[in-house]
C-alpha atoms as a PDB file:
ATOM      1  CA  MET A   1      -0.952 118.749  14.511  1.00  0.00           C
ATOM      2  CA  LEU A   2      -4.483 119.575  15.586  1.00  0.00           C
ATOM      3  CA  ARG A   3      -5.432 117.443  18.545  1.00  0.00           C
ATOM      4  CA  HIS A   4      -8.781 115.693  18.831  1.00  0.00           C
ATOM      5  CA  GLY A   5     -11.204 116.341  21.652  1.00  0.00           C
ATOM      6  CA  ALA A   6     -11.608 119.664  23.411  1.00  0.00           C
ATOM      7  CA  THR A   7      -8.769 121.405  21.595  1.00  0.00           C
ATOM      8  CA  TRP A   8     -10.016 120.781  18.075  1.00  0.00           C
ATOM      9  CA  LEU A   9     -13.545 121.641  19.155  1.00  0.00           C
ATOM     10  CA  LEU A  10     -12.331 125.027  20.390  1.00  0.00           C
ATOM     11  CA  VAL A  11     -10.421 125.542  17.154  1.00  0.00           C
ATOM     12  CA  ALA A  12     -13.517 124.710  15.150  1.00  0.00           C
ATOM     13  CA  LEU A  13     -15.669 127.078  17.178  1.00  0.00           C
ATOM     14  CA  LEU A  14     -13.163 129.882  16.756  1.00  0.00           C
ATOM     15  CA  THR A  15     -12.991 129.222  13.033  1.00  0.00           C
ATOM     16  CA  VAL A  16     -16.744 129.591  12.753  1.00  0.00           C
ATOM     17  CA  LEU A  17     -17.452 132.289  15.327  1.00  0.00           C
ATOM     18  CA  ALA A  18     -14.380 134.508  15.494  1.00  0.00           C
ATOM     19  CA  PRO A  19     -15.127 136.582  12.380  1.00  0.00           C
ATOM     20  CA  ALA A  20     -18.574 137.476  13.663  1.00  0.00           C
ATOM     21  CA  ALA A  21     -17.201 138.480  17.052  1.00  0.00           C
ATOM     22  CA  ALA A  22     -14.262 140.496  15.706  1.00  0.00           C
ATOM     23  CA  GLN A  23     -13.792 144.042  16.978  1.00  0.00           C
ATOM     24  CA  VAL A  24     -12.545 146.951  14.896  1.00  0.00           C
ATOM     25  CA  PRO A  25      -8.751 146.494  14.799  1.00  0.00           C
ATOM     26  CA  GLN A  26      -6.215 149.210  15.474  1.00  0.00           C
ATOM     27  CA  PRO A  27      -3.936 150.131  12.560  1.00  0.00           C
ATOM     28  CA  VAL A  28      -0.291 149.145  12.724  1.00  0.00           C
ATOM     29  CA  ASP A  29       2.574 151.546  12.177  1.00  0.00           C
ATOM     30  CA  GLY A  30       4.525 150.856   9.061  1.00  0.00           C
ATOM     31  CA  PRO A  31       5.923 149.769   6.793  1.00  0.00           C
ATOM     32  CA  ARG A  32       8.262 148.204   9.336  1.00  0.00           C
ATOM     33  CA  PRO A  33      10.170 144.947   9.753  1.00  0.00           C
ATOM     34  CA  ILE A  34       8.525 142.078  11.588  1.00  0.00           C
ATOM     35  CA  GLU A  35      10.217 138.963  12.943  1.00  0.00           C
ATOM     36  CA  ILE A  36       8.629 135.713  11.791  1.00  0.00           C
ATOM     37  CA  ARG A  37       9.770 132.404  13.248  1.00  0.00           C
ATOM     38  CA  ALA A  38       9.214 129.101  11.482  1.00  0.00           C
ATOM     39  CA  ARG A  39       9.010 125.473  12.548  1.00  0.00           C
ATOM     40  CA  GLN A  40       9.052 122.904   9.781  1.00  0.00           C
ATOM     41  CA  ILE A  41       6.228 120.467   9.057  1.00  0.00           C
ATOM     42  CA  THR A  42       7.716 117.339   7.505  1.00  0.00           C
ATOM     43  CA  SER A  43       4.623 115.117   7.458  1.00  0.00           C
ATOM     44  CA  PHE A  44       1.102 116.130   6.429  1.00  0.00           C
ATOM     45  CA  ASP A  45      -0.893 113.079   7.579  1.00  0.00           C
ATOM     46  CA  ALA A  46      -0.794 112.091  11.262  1.00  0.00           C
ATOM     47  CA  ARG A  47      -2.185 108.651  10.404  1.00  0.00           C
ATOM     48  CA  ASP A  48       0.635 107.860   7.982  1.00  0.00           C
ATOM     49  CA  GLU A  49       3.718 110.036   8.328  1.00  0.00           C
ATOM     50  CA  SER A  50       5.254 108.505   5.198  1.00  0.00           C
ATOM     51  CA  ALA A  51       2.331 109.538   2.979  1.00  0.00           C
ATOM     52  CA  ARG A  52       3.199 112.170   0.369  1.00  0.00           C
ATOM     53  CA  ARG A  53       0.362 111.921  -2.159  1.00  0.00           C
ATOM     54  CA  PHE A  54      -3.059 113.392  -1.367  1.00  0.00           C
ATOM     55  CA  GLY A  55      -5.473 113.322  -4.266  1.00  0.00           C
ATOM     56  CA  MET A  56      -3.743 115.118  -7.124  1.00  0.00           C
ATOM     57  CA  LEU A  57      -1.309 116.908  -4.803  1.00  0.00           C
ATOM     58  CA  GLU A  58       2.055 115.802  -3.449  1.00  0.00           C
ATOM     59  CA  PHE A  59       3.201 117.327  -0.166  1.00  0.00           C
ATOM     60  CA  ARG A  60       6.460 119.276  -0.421  1.00  0.00           C
ATOM     61  CA  GLY A  61       6.638 120.677   3.113  1.00  0.00           C
ATOM     62  CA  GLY A  62       5.169 123.253   5.429  1.00  0.00           C
ATOM     63  CA  LEU A  63       5.805 125.740   8.190  1.00  0.00           C
ATOM     64  CA  VAL A  64       4.187 126.739  11.461  1.00  0.00           C
ATOM     65  CA  LEU A  65       4.704 130.503  11.621  1.00  0.00           C
ATOM     66  CA  THR A  66       4.830 132.585  14.802  1.00  0.00           C
ATOM     67  CA  SER A  67       6.011 136.039  15.784  1.00  0.00           C
ATOM     68  CA  PRO A  68       6.620 137.983  18.994  1.00  0.00           C
ATOM     69  CA  ASN A  69       4.799 140.852  17.280  1.00  0.00           C
ATOM     70  CA  LYS A  70       1.103 140.869  18.234  1.00  0.00           C
ATOM     71  CA  ALA A  71       0.161 142.297  14.849  1.00  0.00           C
ATOM     72  CA  PHE A  72       1.126 139.018  13.175  1.00  0.00           C
ATOM     73  CA  GLY A  73      -1.638 136.606  12.239  1.00  0.00           C
ATOM     74  CA  GLY A  74      -4.967 136.455  10.477  1.00  0.00           C
ATOM     75  CA  LEU A  75      -3.504 135.607   7.062  1.00  0.00           C
ATOM     76  CA  SER A  76      -6.415 135.428   4.648  1.00  0.00           C
ATOM     77  CA  ALA A  77      -4.864 135.563   1.183  1.00  0.00           C
ATOM     78  CA  LEU A  78      -1.488 135.706  -0.531  1.00  0.00           C
ATOM     79  CA  ARG A  79       0.190 135.988  -3.888  1.00  0.00           C
ATOM     80  CA  LEU A  80       3.666 134.729  -4.751  1.00  0.00           C
ATOM     81  CA  ALA A  81       6.249 136.037  -7.173  1.00  0.00           C
ATOM     82  CA  ARG A  82       6.935 133.958 -10.271  1.00  0.00           C
ATOM     83  CA  ASP A  83       9.990 132.416  -8.606  1.00  0.00           C
ATOM     84  CA  GLY A  84       8.017 131.358  -5.521  1.00  0.00           C
ATOM     85  CA  LEU A  85      10.259 133.395  -3.219  1.00  0.00           C
ATOM     86  CA  GLY A  86       8.663 136.785  -2.687  1.00  0.00           C
ATOM     87  CA  PHE A  87       5.124 136.967  -1.345  1.00  0.00           C
ATOM     88  CA  VAL A  88       2.572 139.552  -0.335  1.00  0.00           C
ATOM     89  CA  ALA A  89      -0.309 138.589   1.961  1.00  0.00           C
ATOM     90  CA  ALA A  90      -3.398 140.259   3.370  1.00  0.00           C
ATOM     91  CA  THR A  91      -4.483 139.950   6.989  1.00  0.00           C
ATOM     92  CA  ASP A  92      -7.947 140.145   8.506  1.00  0.00           C
ATOM     93  CA  ARG A  93      -6.986 143.407  10.172  1.00  0.00           C
ATOM     94  CA  GLY A  94      -6.385 145.316   6.976  1.00  0.00           C
ATOM     95  CA  ASN A  95      -2.608 144.911   6.871  1.00  0.00           C
ATOM     96  CA  TRP A  96      -0.086 143.928   4.253  1.00  0.00           C
ATOM     97  CA  LEU A  97       2.522 141.322   5.097  1.00  0.00           C
ATOM     98  CA  ARG A  98       5.345 140.710   2.674  1.00  0.00           C
ATOM     99  CA  GLY A  99       8.632 138.843   2.698  1.00  0.00           C
ATOM    100  CA  LYS A 100      10.491 135.952   1.111  1.00  0.00           C
ATOM    101  CA  ILE A 101      10.139 132.219   1.627  1.00  0.00           C
ATOM    102  CA  ARG A 102      13.460 130.469   2.285  1.00  0.00           C
ATOM    103  CA  TYR A 103      13.936 126.997   0.838  1.00  0.00           C
ATOM    104  CA  ASP A 104      16.199 124.018   1.375  1.00  0.00           C
ATOM    105  CA  GLY A 105      15.895 122.331  -1.986  1.00  0.00           C
ATOM    106  CA  ASP A 106      12.150 121.983  -2.582  1.00  0.00           C
ATOM    107  CA  ARG A 107      11.144 122.407   1.066  1.00  0.00           C
ATOM    108  CA  PRO A 108      10.141 125.730   2.632  1.00  0.00           C
ATOM    109  CA  VAL A 109      12.219 126.285   5.774  1.00  0.00           C
ATOM    110  CA  GLY A 110      11.640 129.877   6.866  1.00  0.00           C
ATOM    111  CA  ILE A 111      10.633 133.458   6.163  1.00  0.00           C
ATOM    112  CA  ALA A 112      13.133 136.261   5.545  1.00  0.00           C
ATOM    113  CA  GLY A 113      12.904 140.027   5.194  1.00  0.00           C
ATOM    114  CA  ALA A 114       9.306 140.278   6.399  1.00  0.00           C
ATOM    115  CA  GLU A 115       7.557 143.645   6.626  1.00  0.00           C
ATOM    116  CA  ILE A 116       4.109 144.650   7.830  1.00  0.00           C
ATOM    117  CA  ALA A 117       2.169 147.772   6.894  1.00  0.00           C
ATOM    118  CA  PRO A 118      -1.401 149.048   7.005  1.00  0.00           C
ATOM    119  CA  MET A 119      -3.403 149.057   3.801  1.00  0.00           C
ATOM    120  CA  LEU A 120      -4.009 152.702   2.977  1.00  0.00           C
ATOM    121  CA  GLY A 121      -7.316 154.173   1.896  1.00  0.00           C
ATOM    122  CA  PRO A 122      -7.786 156.749  -0.874  1.00  0.00           C
ATOM    123  CA  ASP A 123      -7.006 159.477   1.685  1.00  0.00           C
ATOM    124  CA  GLY A 124      -3.688 157.905   2.662  1.00  0.00           C
ATOM    125  CA  LYS A 125      -4.987 156.834   6.074  1.00  0.00           C
ATOM    126  CA  PRO A 126      -5.277 153.170   7.154  1.00  0.00           C
ATOM    127  CA  LEU A 127      -8.350 151.445   5.718  1.00  0.00           C
ATOM    128  CA  VAL A 128      -9.377 150.230   9.162  1.00  0.00           C
ATOM    129  CA  ARG A 129     -10.001 153.823  10.272  1.00  0.00           C
ATOM    130  CA  ARG A 130     -13.058 153.851   8.029  1.00  0.00           C
ATOM    131  CA  GLY A 131     -14.176 150.420   9.277  1.00  0.00           C
ATOM    132  CA  TRP A 132     -12.862 148.593   6.215  1.00  0.00           C
ATOM    133  CA  TYR A 133     -11.211 145.379   7.347  1.00  0.00           C
ATOM    134  CA  ASP A 134     -11.733 141.618   6.992  1.00  0.00           C
ATOM    135  CA  THR A 135      -9.553 141.910   3.905  1.00  0.00           C
ATOM    136  CA  GLU A 136     -10.067 138.360   2.671  1.00  0.00           C
ATOM    137  CA  ALA A 137      -8.941 138.153  -0.957  1.00  0.00           C
ATOM    138  CA  VAL A 138      -5.951 139.281  -3.032  1.00  0.00           C
ATOM    139  CA  THR A 139      -5.175 138.843  -6.708  1.00  0.00           C
ATOM    140  CA  ALA A 140      -2.670 140.439  -9.041  1.00  0.00           C
ATOM    141  CA  GLY A 141      -2.937 141.849 -12.529  1.00  0.00           C
ATOM    142  CA  GLY A 142       0.264 143.393 -13.839  1.00  0.00           C
ATOM    143  CA  GLY A 143       1.497 145.737 -11.128  1.00  0.00           C
ATOM    144  CA  THR A 144      -1.965 146.089  -9.587  1.00  0.00           C
ATOM    145  CA  LEU A 145      -3.180 144.228  -6.514  1.00  0.00           C
ATOM    146  CA  TYR A 146      -6.935 143.782  -6.073  1.00  0.00           C
ATOM    147  CA  VAL A 147      -8.272 143.258  -2.544  1.00  0.00           C
ATOM    148  CA  GLY A 148     -11.709 142.061  -1.453  1.00  0.00           C
ATOM    149  CA  ILE A 149     -13.038 143.516   1.800  1.00  0.00           C
ATOM    150  CA  GLU A 150     -15.645 141.173   3.227  1.00  0.00           C
ATOM    151  CA  ARG A 151     -16.752 143.455   6.057  1.00  0.00           C
ATOM    152  CA  VAL A 152     -18.176 146.043   3.634  1.00  0.00           C
ATOM    153  CA  ASN A 153     -18.434 143.976   0.414  1.00  0.00           C
ATOM    154  CA  ARG A 154     -16.078 146.206  -1.535  1.00  0.00           C
ATOM    155  CA  ILE A 155     -13.169 145.656  -3.873  1.00  0.00           C
ATOM    156  CA  VAL A 156     -10.235 148.048  -3.963  1.00  0.00           C
ATOM    157  CA  ARG A 157      -7.102 148.106  -6.085  1.00  0.00           C
ATOM    158  CA  PHE A 158      -3.572 149.262  -5.331  1.00  0.00           C
ATOM    159  CA  ASN A 159      -0.795 150.355  -7.697  1.00  0.00           C
ATOM    160  CA  TYR A 160       1.599 148.052  -5.899  1.00  0.00           C
ATOM    161  CA  GLY A 161       4.066 147.909  -8.767  1.00  0.00           C
ATOM    162  CA  LYS A 162       4.731 151.643  -8.468  1.00  0.00           C
ATOM    163  CA  ARG A 163       4.078 152.443  -4.802  1.00  0.00           C
ATOM    164  CA  GLY A 164       4.573 149.149  -2.979  1.00  0.00           C
ATOM    165  CA  LEU A 165       3.277 149.133   0.596  1.00  0.00           C
ATOM    166  CA  ASN A 166       2.627 152.883   0.339  1.00  0.00           C
ATOM    167  CA  ALA A 167       0.043 152.463  -2.428  1.00  0.00           C
ATOM    168  CA  ARG A 168      -3.390 153.948  -1.785  1.00  0.00           C
ATOM    169  CA  ALA A 169      -6.634 152.115  -2.424  1.00  0.00           C
ATOM    170  CA  GLU A 170      -8.820 152.984  -5.370  1.00  0.00           C
ATOM    171  CA  VAL A 171     -12.420 151.897  -4.851  1.00  0.00           C
ATOM    172  CA  MET A 172     -13.814 149.802  -7.689  1.00  0.00           C
ATOM    173  CA  LYS A 173     -17.396 149.644  -8.809  1.00  0.00           C
ATOM    174  CA  VAL A 174     -18.956 146.269  -7.985  1.00  0.00           C
ATOM    175  CA  PRO A 175     -22.253 144.749  -9.141  1.00  0.00           C
ATOM    176  CA  PRO A 176     -25.182 145.772  -6.896  1.00  0.00           C
ATOM    177  CA  ALA A 177     -25.731 142.134  -5.877  1.00  0.00           C
ATOM    178  CA  ALA A 178     -22.143 141.926  -4.610  1.00  0.00           C
ATOM    179  CA  GLY A 179     -22.792 144.857  -2.303  1.00  0.00           C
ATOM    180  CA  LYS A 180     -25.741 142.983  -0.779  1.00  0.00           C
ATOM    181  CA  LEU A 181     -23.950 139.759   0.129  1.00  0.00           C
ATOM    182  CA  PRO A 182     -24.536 138.409   3.667  1.00  0.00           C
ATOM    183  CA  ASN A 183     -22.585 139.951   6.532  1.00  0.00           C
ATOM    184  CA  ASN A 184     -19.223 138.178   6.976  1.00  0.00           C
ATOM    185  CA  LYS A 185     -20.045 135.827   4.089  1.00  0.00           C
ATOM    186  CA  GLY A 186     -19.144 138.172   1.251  1.00  0.00           C
ATOM    187  CA  ILE A 187     -16.234 138.425  -1.174  1.00  0.00           C
ATOM    188  CA  GLU A 188     -13.691 135.751  -0.267  1.00  0.00           C
ATOM    189  CA  GLY A 189     -11.816 134.929  -3.467  1.00  0.00           C
ATOM    190  CA  LEU A 190     -10.560 137.045  -6.374  1.00  0.00           C
ATOM    191  CA  VAL A 191      -8.921 136.036  -9.650  1.00  0.00           C
ATOM    192  CA  LYS A 192      -7.717 138.467 -12.325  1.00  0.00           C
ATOM    193  CA  VAL A 193      -7.734 136.685 -15.679  1.00  0.00           C
ATOM    194  CA  PRO A 194      -4.775 137.622 -17.914  1.00  0.00           C
ATOM    195  CA  ARG A 195      -5.518 138.938 -21.372  1.00  0.00           C
ATOM    196  CA  GLY A 196      -5.244 136.325 -24.086  1.00  0.00           C
ATOM    197  CA  ARG A 197      -7.241 133.747 -22.116  1.00  0.00           C
ATOM    198  CA  PRO A 198     -11.004 133.155 -22.048  1.00  0.00           C
ATOM    199  CA  LEU A 199     -12.506 136.055 -20.071  1.00  0.00           C
ATOM    200  CA  GLY A 200      -9.189 137.920 -20.392  1.00  0.00           C
ATOM    201  CA  GLY A 201      -9.219 141.159 -18.399  1.00  0.00           C
ATOM    202  CA  THR A 202     -12.056 139.972 -16.137  1.00  0.00           C
ATOM    203  CA  LEU A 203     -11.915 140.127 -12.359  1.00  0.00           C
ATOM    204  CA  ILE A 204     -13.709 137.049 -10.984  1.00  0.00           C
ATOM    205  CA  ALA A 205     -15.096 137.477  -7.462  1.00  0.00           C
ATOM    206  CA  PHE A 206     -16.360 134.553  -5.371  1.00  0.00           C
ATOM    207  CA  ALA A 207     -18.600 134.955  -2.330  1.00  0.00           C
ATOM    208  CA  GLU A 208     -17.871 132.840   0.732  1.00  0.00           C
ATOM    209  CA  ARG A 209     -21.513 131.912   1.224  1.00  0.00           C
ATOM    210  CA  GLY A 210     -23.635 134.140  -0.965  1.00  0.00           C
ATOM    211  CA  LEU A 211     -26.065 131.439  -2.069  1.00  0.00           C
ATOM    212  CA  ASP A 212     -28.685 131.620  -4.793  1.00  0.00           C
ATOM    213  CA  THR A 213     -32.198 130.193  -4.429  1.00  0.00           C
ATOM    214  CA  ALA A 214     -30.887 126.735  -5.403  1.00  0.00           C
ATOM    215  CA  GLY A 215     -28.254 126.854  -2.667  1.00  0.00           C
ATOM    216  CA  ASN A 216     -25.241 127.359  -4.948  1.00  0.00           C
ATOM    217  CA  HIS A 217     -22.391 129.852  -4.594  1.00  0.00           C
ATOM    218  CA  THR A 218     -22.698 133.229  -6.305  1.00  0.00           C
ATOM    219  CA  ALA A 219     -19.750 134.619  -8.249  1.00  0.00           C
ATOM    220  CA  PHE A 220     -19.288 137.771 -10.302  1.00  0.00           C
ATOM    221  CA  LEU A 221     -17.543 138.664 -13.566  1.00  0.00           C
ATOM    222  CA  ILE A 222     -16.360 142.253 -13.219  1.00  0.00           C
ATOM    223  CA  GLY A 223     -15.143 144.051 -16.329  1.00  0.00           C
ATOM    224  CA  GLY A 224     -13.766 142.050 -19.225  1.00  0.00           C
ATOM    225  CA  PRO A 225     -15.667 140.921 -22.320  1.00  0.00           C
ATOM    226  CA  GLN A 226     -18.667 139.323 -20.552  1.00  0.00           C
ATOM    227  CA  PRO A 227     -19.530 141.046 -17.256  1.00  0.00           C
ATOM    228  CA  GLY A 228     -22.273 139.466 -15.189  1.00  0.00           C
ATOM    229  CA  SER A 229     -22.640 136.679 -12.649  1.00  0.00           C
ATOM    230  CA  PHE A 230     -22.576 132.891 -12.538  1.00  0.00           C
ATOM    231  CA  THR A 231     -22.933 130.206  -9.888  1.00  0.00           C
ATOM    232  CA  LEU A 232     -20.653 127.482  -8.570  1.00  0.00           C
ATOM    233  CA  ARG A 233     -22.348 124.276  -7.465  1.00  0.00           C
ATOM    234  CA  ARG A 234     -22.062 123.890  -3.696  1.00  0.00           C
ATOM    235  CA  HIS A 235     -20.662 120.580  -2.459  1.00  0.00           C
ATOM    236  CA  ARG A 236     -21.471 119.122   0.960  1.00  0.00           C
ATOM    237  CA  ASP A 237     -21.968 122.517   2.646  1.00  0.00           C
ATOM    238  CA  PHE A 238     -18.446 123.736   1.850  1.00  0.00           C
ATOM    239  CA  ASP A 239     -17.859 127.498   1.722  1.00  0.00           C
ATOM    240  CA  VAL A 240     -15.422 129.266  -0.604  1.00  0.00           C
ATOM    241  CA  SER A 241     -12.123 130.385   0.975  1.00  0.00           C
ATOM    242  CA  ASP A 242     -10.027 131.489  -2.010  1.00  0.00           C
ATOM    243  CA  ALA A 243      -9.351 130.888  -5.685  1.00  0.00           C
ATOM    244  CA  ALA A 244      -6.352 130.928  -8.004  1.00  0.00           C
ATOM    245  CA  LEU A 245      -5.640 130.420 -11.688  1.00  0.00           C
ATOM    246  CA  LEU A 246      -3.499 127.560 -12.987  1.00  0.00           C
ATOM    247  CA  PRO A 247      -1.031 128.077 -15.853  1.00  0.00           C
ATOM    248  CA  SER A 248      -3.312 125.785 -17.903  1.00  0.00           C
ATOM    249  CA  GLY A 249      -6.127 128.290 -17.509  1.00  0.00           C
ATOM    250  CA  ASP A 250      -8.243 126.244 -15.095  1.00  0.00           C
ATOM    251  CA  LEU A 251      -9.446 127.722 -11.824  1.00  0.00           C
ATOM    252  CA  LEU A 252      -8.707 126.207  -8.447  1.00  0.00           C
ATOM    253  CA  VAL A 253     -11.226 126.942  -5.699  1.00  0.00           C
ATOM    254  CA  LEU A 254     -10.229 126.376  -2.072  1.00  0.00           C
ATOM    255  CA  GLU A 255     -13.180 125.501   0.171  1.00  0.00           C
ATOM    256  CA  ARG A 256     -13.697 124.694   3.849  1.00  0.00           C
ATOM    257  CA  ARG A 257     -16.478 123.559   6.130  1.00  0.00           C
ATOM    258  CA  PHE A 258     -17.210 122.719   9.743  1.00  0.00           C
ATOM    259  CA  THR A 259     -19.434 119.965  11.132  1.00  0.00           C
ATOM    260  CA  TRP A 260     -19.840 118.914  14.756  1.00  0.00           C
ATOM    261  CA  VAL A 261     -19.047 115.327  13.803  1.00  0.00           C
ATOM    262  CA  GLU A 262     -16.014 115.837  11.554  1.00  0.00           C
ATOM    263  CA  GLY A 263     -14.683 119.217  12.661  1.00  0.00           C
ATOM    264  CA  VAL A 264     -12.946 121.401  10.071  1.00  0.00           C
ATOM    265  CA  GLY A 265     -12.275 120.104   6.571  1.00  0.00           C
ATOM    266  CA  ILE A 266     -10.915 121.602   3.369  1.00  0.00           C
ATOM    267  CA  GLN A 267     -11.004 120.716  -0.305  1.00  0.00           C
ATOM    268  CA  ILE A 268      -9.804 122.119  -3.623  1.00  0.00           C
ATOM    269  CA  ARG A 269     -11.871 121.900  -6.796  1.00  0.00           C
ATOM    270  CA  ARG A 270     -10.719 122.425 -10.370  1.00  0.00           C
ATOM    271  CA  ILE A 271     -13.002 124.417 -12.671  1.00  0.00           C
ATOM    272  CA  PRO A 272     -12.311 124.845 -16.419  1.00  0.00           C
ATOM    273  CA  LEU A 273     -12.165 128.569 -17.089  1.00  0.00           C
ATOM    274  CA  ALA A 274     -13.718 128.008 -20.513  1.00  0.00           C
ATOM    275  CA  GLN A 275     -16.960 126.865 -18.815  1.00  0.00           C
ATOM    276  CA  ILE A 276     -17.511 130.207 -17.136  1.00  0.00           C
ATOM    277  CA  LYS A 277     -19.821 132.800 -18.635  1.00  0.00           C
ATOM    278  CA  PRO A 278     -22.754 134.869 -17.355  1.00  0.00           C
ATOM    279  CA  GLY A 279     -25.736 132.873 -16.168  1.00  0.00           C
ATOM    280  CA  VAL A 280     -24.171 129.408 -16.087  1.00  0.00           C
ATOM    281  CA  LEU A 281     -23.815 126.910 -13.237  1.00  0.00           C
ATOM    282  CA  VAL A 282     -20.288 125.478 -13.147  1.00  0.00           C
ATOM    283  CA  ASP A 283     -18.821 122.511 -11.313  1.00  0.00           C
ATOM    284  CA  GLY A 284     -15.575 120.608 -11.201  1.00  0.00           C
ATOM    285  CA  PRO A 285     -13.857 117.650  -9.561  1.00  0.00           C
ATOM    286  CA  VAL A 286     -12.323 117.684  -6.096  1.00  0.00           C
ATOM    287  CA  ILE A 287      -8.569 117.259  -6.572  1.00  0.00           C
ATOM    288  CA  PHE A 288      -7.581 117.438  -2.891  1.00  0.00           C
ATOM    289  CA  SER A 289      -9.229 117.095   0.503  1.00  0.00           C
ATOM    290  CA  ALA A 290      -8.017 117.061   4.100  1.00  0.00           C
ATOM    291  CA  ASP A 291      -9.494 116.827   7.569  1.00  0.00           C
ATOM    292  CA  MET A 292      -8.354 117.339  11.130  1.00  0.00           C
ATOM    293  CA  ALA A 293      -6.092 114.306  11.066  1.00  0.00           C
ATOM    294  CA  HIS A 294      -3.977 116.302   8.620  1.00  0.00           C
ATOM    295  CA  GLN A 295      -1.830 119.347   9.258  1.00  0.00           C
ATOM    296  CA  ILE A 296      -4.522 121.930   8.603  1.00  0.00           C
ATOM    297  CA  ASP A 297      -6.129 124.812  10.411  1.00  0.00           C
ATOM    298  CA  ASN A 298      -8.454 127.516   9.127  1.00  0.00           C
ATOM    299  CA  MET A 299      -7.032 127.450   5.590  1.00  0.00           C
ATOM    300  CA  GLU A 300      -7.989 130.652   3.790  1.00  0.00           C
ATOM    301  CA  GLY A 301      -5.320 131.531   1.232  1.00  0.00           C
ATOM    302  CA  LEU A 302      -4.258 129.800  -2.002  1.00  0.00           C
ATOM    303  CA  ALA A 303      -1.523 130.818  -4.446  1.00  0.00           C
ATOM    304  CA  VAL A 304      -0.017 129.135  -7.508  1.00  0.00           C
ATOM    305  CA  HIS A 305       3.437 129.449  -9.055  1.00  0.00           C
ATOM    306  CA  GLN A 306       5.751 127.336 -11.212  1.00  0.00           C
ATOM    307  CA  GLY A 307       9.204 126.059 -10.324  1.00  0.00           C
ATOM    308  CA  GLY A 308      11.473 123.357 -11.686  1.00  0.00           C
ATOM    309  CA  GLY A 309       8.877 122.417 -14.276  1.00  0.00           C
ATOM    310  CA  ASN A 310       6.242 121.866 -11.565  1.00  0.00           C
ATOM    311  CA  THR A 311       3.041 123.676 -10.665  1.00  0.00           C
ATOM    312  CA  ILE A 312       3.212 124.472  -6.958  1.00  0.00           C
ATOM    313  CA  LEU A 313       0.305 125.350  -4.660  1.00  0.00           C
ATOM    314  CA  THR A 314       0.825 127.345  -1.475  1.00  0.00           C
ATOM    315  CA  LEU A 315      -1.863 127.441   1.233  1.00  0.00           C
ATOM    316  CA  VAL A 316      -1.938 129.665   4.317  1.00  0.00           C
ATOM    317  CA  SER A 317      -4.206 129.660   7.357  1.00  0.00           C
ATOM    318  CA  ASP A 318      -5.962 132.385   9.311  1.00  0.00           C
ATOM    319  CA  ASP A 319      -5.393 131.790  13.028  1.00  0.00           C
ATOM    320  CA  ASN A 320      -8.031 134.364  14.036  1.00  0.00           C
ATOM    321  CA  PHE A 321      -5.333 135.769  16.369  1.00  0.00           C
ATOM    322  CA  SER A 322      -6.109 132.867  18.697  1.00  0.00           C
ATOM    323  CA  ALA A 323      -3.511 131.232  20.941  1.00  0.00           C
ATOM    324  CA  ILE A 324      -4.885 127.751  20.168  1.00  0.00           C
ATOM    325  CA  GLN A 325      -4.881 128.121  16.399  1.00  0.00           C
ATOM    326  CA  ARG A 326      -1.902 128.185  14.083  1.00  0.00           C
ATOM    327  CA  THR A 327      -0.615 130.149  11.133  1.00  0.00           C
ATOM    328  CA  LEU A 328       0.393 127.498   8.610  1.00  0.00           C
ATOM    329  CA  LEU A 329       2.107 127.707   5.244  1.00  0.00           C
ATOM    330  CA  LEU A 330       1.802 124.488   3.236  1.00  0.00           C
ATOM    331  CA  GLN A 331       3.178 123.673  -0.206  1.00  0.00           C
ATOM    332  CA  PHE A 332       2.153 120.953  -2.641  1.00  0.00           C
ATOM    333  CA  THR A 333       3.039 119.931  -6.178  1.00  0.00           C
ATOM    334  CA  LEU A 334       0.127 119.465  -8.575  1.00  0.00           C
ATOM    335  CA  MET A 335       0.522 115.999 -10.119  1.00  0.00           C
ATOM    336  CA  GLU A 336      -0.912 115.774 -13.631  1.00  0.00           C
END
């Protein structure tokens, strides 16, 4: 767990300051295997180890992930296969990480078959060679993966279904306002809406802290039937970390914040997709929240899948490649 006092203060400072201080990373060689070790988390709340229910979520289990490979870390986003086993994640340093989650019943217990590879630009060279990193968001649409690059406020897509980790980026056109988002506070969450739903075919892009004049979060509708922008009401100075679509069609938005009094906190809000259209201000209830007495770190990634008749949420943390932060994978069941 995160300890109070000097340790959590350092963690909080790194969470806030590390992205701004980041240096241009060196590309990894790959694709190549990477060893990932896992230690189980059996209790989410340090104040009550028997607690399982947190808001509308029930804790299933979690992992603390480590690796002897220095390229491991900085997990900012992930997507899971329909069966909840296979995953592909993006790291801050412009790398892909993929593998399979091992389970014992409902509990995650380890990672198998992991590989790491650089994201490739249109020229086939690693994206980081052109200064494109801080890859903070991933969503899937068919066999295509869409990636948001916060450092340069761009969105690229990869034909992952055909080329896998060797796919090359195709640069997408983004709204002019998206290209002008604040440095290191740009595109942080992406959701591709399946056809047949409201806004079907739209790519929804959330800014981490691209605020309008009223202090609310800016988001963009790219492509689809109603392109444009909308705003998400900001709650208690929380910033957007990621977003994912529920099978019901509602959006989940993962948010985090830091205060000197409370440290790092996270929350998840539920937004009806049907509310979203150009020019509107949307809001939704908080269905989950956690603070530094819980097993959290710098939680940046959120994925949703279904298993055993349940809707399962998976969260991952970005350790900023810091020795005093952790890479966590947490799973919860949505209780409805």
